[in-house]
Structure formats: structure tokens, C-alpha cells
């Protein structure tokens, strides 16, 4: 289970246990089995930095190494068009939390 975390300007984090923010950013579904996708959207984002992170929510009672790949696709729509960024991460520790990128919304 790889969880998506988005921290909005002002510090509010949208994630599996807090799926909608005060500024209407939304995690549409928390996928706990299978391969996702988990999707965050916000129609009218405030200016500032949006930090995108993932959390590998694996448990390993035997302490044997488990690895998983996370594929993130970030779309950022602005006046100049749509920007697409892709990230592929190898996550290897249960409970690993990793910052992936920031999206900066201009003023």
C-alpha cells in the first residue's frame, strides 16, 4: 500500500485519513489493495508550494526486505498549458515516507 500525501500552502496535508482540505483539495480514494491509482485534485489552488510525497505503508514482521515501485504522474495546468512530470521510485522499507516533488503555483 503506497499512500499519496499532498501538503498545501499553509501546512494542511491531504492524505488517506484527511481526504479533503479547507481549500477543497481532495484525495479521491485511498486504494489499499492493488495498484491504485490514488488521485489528488484541486480546482482553484492558492498560490504557493504544494509538496507531493508518498508513504510506503508496508509492514514486515519478519524483517525481510520487501520492495515496491511507485509511479507518480503530476499534471500541473497553468495559463501556458499543461505540464506533465513522471517519477519512478523504489521504496524498500515499510513505513518509508518520501518527498517526491513540489509544485509551485504562481501568484
Protein backbone atom coordinates (compact mmCIF):
# COMPACT_ATOMS: atom_id res chain seq x y z
CA UNK A 1 0.00 0.00 0.00
CA UNK A 2 1.57 3.26 -1.16
CA UNK A 3 -0.24 6.34 0.12
CA UNK A 4 -0.26 9.74 -1.54
CA UNK A 5 0.32 12.86 0.61
CA UNK A 6 -0.08 16.45 -0.65
CA UNK A 7 0.83 19.30 1.70
CA UNK A 8 -0.77 22.55 0.61
CA UNK A 9 0.38 26.12 1.30
CA UNK A 10 -0.32 26.83 4.95
CA UNK A 11 0.66 23.29 6.00
CA UNK A 12 -2.58 21.30 5.65
CA UNK A 13 -1.90 17.76 4.40
CA UNK A 14 -4.37 15.77 2.34
CA UNK A 15 -3.90 12.00 2.78
CA UNK A 16 -5.80 8.77 3.47
CA UNK A 17 -7.11 9.88 6.88
CA UNK A 18 -7.75 13.52 5.89
CA UNK A 19 -9.12 13.34 2.36
CA UNK A 20 -10.33 16.91 1.82
CA UNK A 21 -8.72 20.23 2.72
CA UNK A 22 -10.22 23.58 3.65
CA UNK A 23 -9.32 24.86 0.18
CA UNK A 24 -11.07 21.85 -1.43
CA UNK A 25 -8.02 19.82 -2.40
CA UNK A 26 -9.21 16.22 -2.47
CA UNK A 27 -7.83 12.68 -2.38
CA UNK A 28 -10.50 10.82 -4.32
CA UNK A 29 -9.91 7.34 -2.97
CA UNK A 30 -7.50 5.53 -0.67
CA UNK A 31 -6.54 2.37 -2.57
CA UNK A 32 -5.36 -0.22 -0.03
CA UNK A 33 -5.04 -3.20 -2.36
CA UNK A 34 -3.94 -3.45 -5.92
CA UNK A 35 -2.07 -0.83 -7.88
CA UNK A 36 -4.05 2.37 -7.44
CA UNK A 37 -4.22 4.98 -8.70
CA UNK A 38 -4.59 7.46 -5.89
CA UNK A 39 -5.68 10.82 -7.27
CA UNK A 40 -5.44 14.31 -5.73
CA UNK A 41 -7.14 17.26 -7.43
CA UNK A 42 -7.75 20.90 -6.61
CA UNK A 43 -9.79 23.16 -8.87
CA UNK A 44 -8.62 26.58 -7.65
CA UNK A 45 -5.28 26.22 -5.90
CA UNK A 46 -3.95 29.04 -3.77
CA UNK A 47 -0.56 30.42 -4.75
CA UNK A 48 2.36 28.72 -3.01
CA UNK A 49 4.16 25.40 -2.75
CA UNK A 50 2.37 22.04 -2.89
CA UNK A 51 4.62 19.24 -1.63
CA UNK A 52 3.88 15.80 -3.06
CA UNK A 53 5.06 12.78 -1.09
CA UNK A 54 4.42 9.06 -0.81
CA UNK A 55 4.35 6.72 2.13
CA UNK A 56 5.10 3.01 1.73
CA UNK A 57 2.72 1.58 4.30
CA UNK A 58 4.10 -1.96 4.33
CA UNK A 59 4.61 -3.99 7.43
CA UNK A 60 7.23 -6.67 7.64
CA UNK A 61 7.15 -8.73 10.82
CA UNK A 62 9.92 -11.00 9.52
CA UNK A 63 12.22 -8.07 8.74
CA UNK A 64 12.86 -9.49 5.27
CA UNK A 65 13.24 -6.80 2.61
CA UNK A 66 10.21 -6.01 0.53
CA UNK A 67 10.46 -3.57 -2.32
CA UNK A 68 7.86 -1.86 -4.44
CA UNK A 69 7.87 0.63 -7.27
CA UNK A 70 5.75 3.76 -7.18
CA UNK A 71 4.98 5.57 -10.44
CA UNK A 72 3.78 9.14 -9.96
CA UNK A 73 2.43 11.33 -12.72
CA UNK A 74 1.95 15.00 -11.84
CA UNK A 75 -0.10 17.26 -14.08
CA UNK A 76 0.04 21.00 -13.49
CA UNK A 77 -2.29 23.13 -15.59
CA UNK A 78 -1.46 26.82 -15.96
CA UNK A 79 -2.15 29.62 -18.41
CA UNK A 80 0.72 28.39 -20.59
CA UNK A 81 -0.63 24.83 -20.87
CA UNK A 82 -0.35 21.52 -19.08
CA UNK A 83 2.98 20.35 -17.67
CA UNK A 84 3.46 16.62 -17.06
CA UNK A 85 6.17 15.18 -14.82
CA UNK A 86 6.80 11.49 -14.13
CA UNK A 87 8.65 9.96 -11.20
CA UNK A 88 9.53 6.32 -10.55
CA UNK A 89 10.60 5.47 -7.01
CA UNK A 90 11.92 2.28 -5.49
CA UNK A 91 10.54 2.03 -1.96
CA UNK A 92 12.19 -0.58 0.19
CA UNK A 93 11.27 -0.02 3.82
CA UNK A 94 7.90 -0.36 5.46
CA UNK A 95 6.69 2.97 6.80
CA UNK A 96 9.06 4.84 4.47
CA UNK A 97 7.86 8.40 3.77
CA UNK A 98 9.50 10.16 0.85
CA UNK A 99 9.07 13.65 -0.57
CA UNK A 100 8.85 13.46 -4.37
CA UNK A 101 8.44 16.98 -5.75
CA UNK A 102 6.96 20.41 -5.22
CA UNK A 103 4.51 22.13 -7.50
CA UNK A 104 4.70 25.91 -7.25
CA UNK A 105 1.52 27.82 -8.04
CA UNK A 106 2.42 31.36 -9.03
CA UNK A 107 0.70 34.40 -7.62
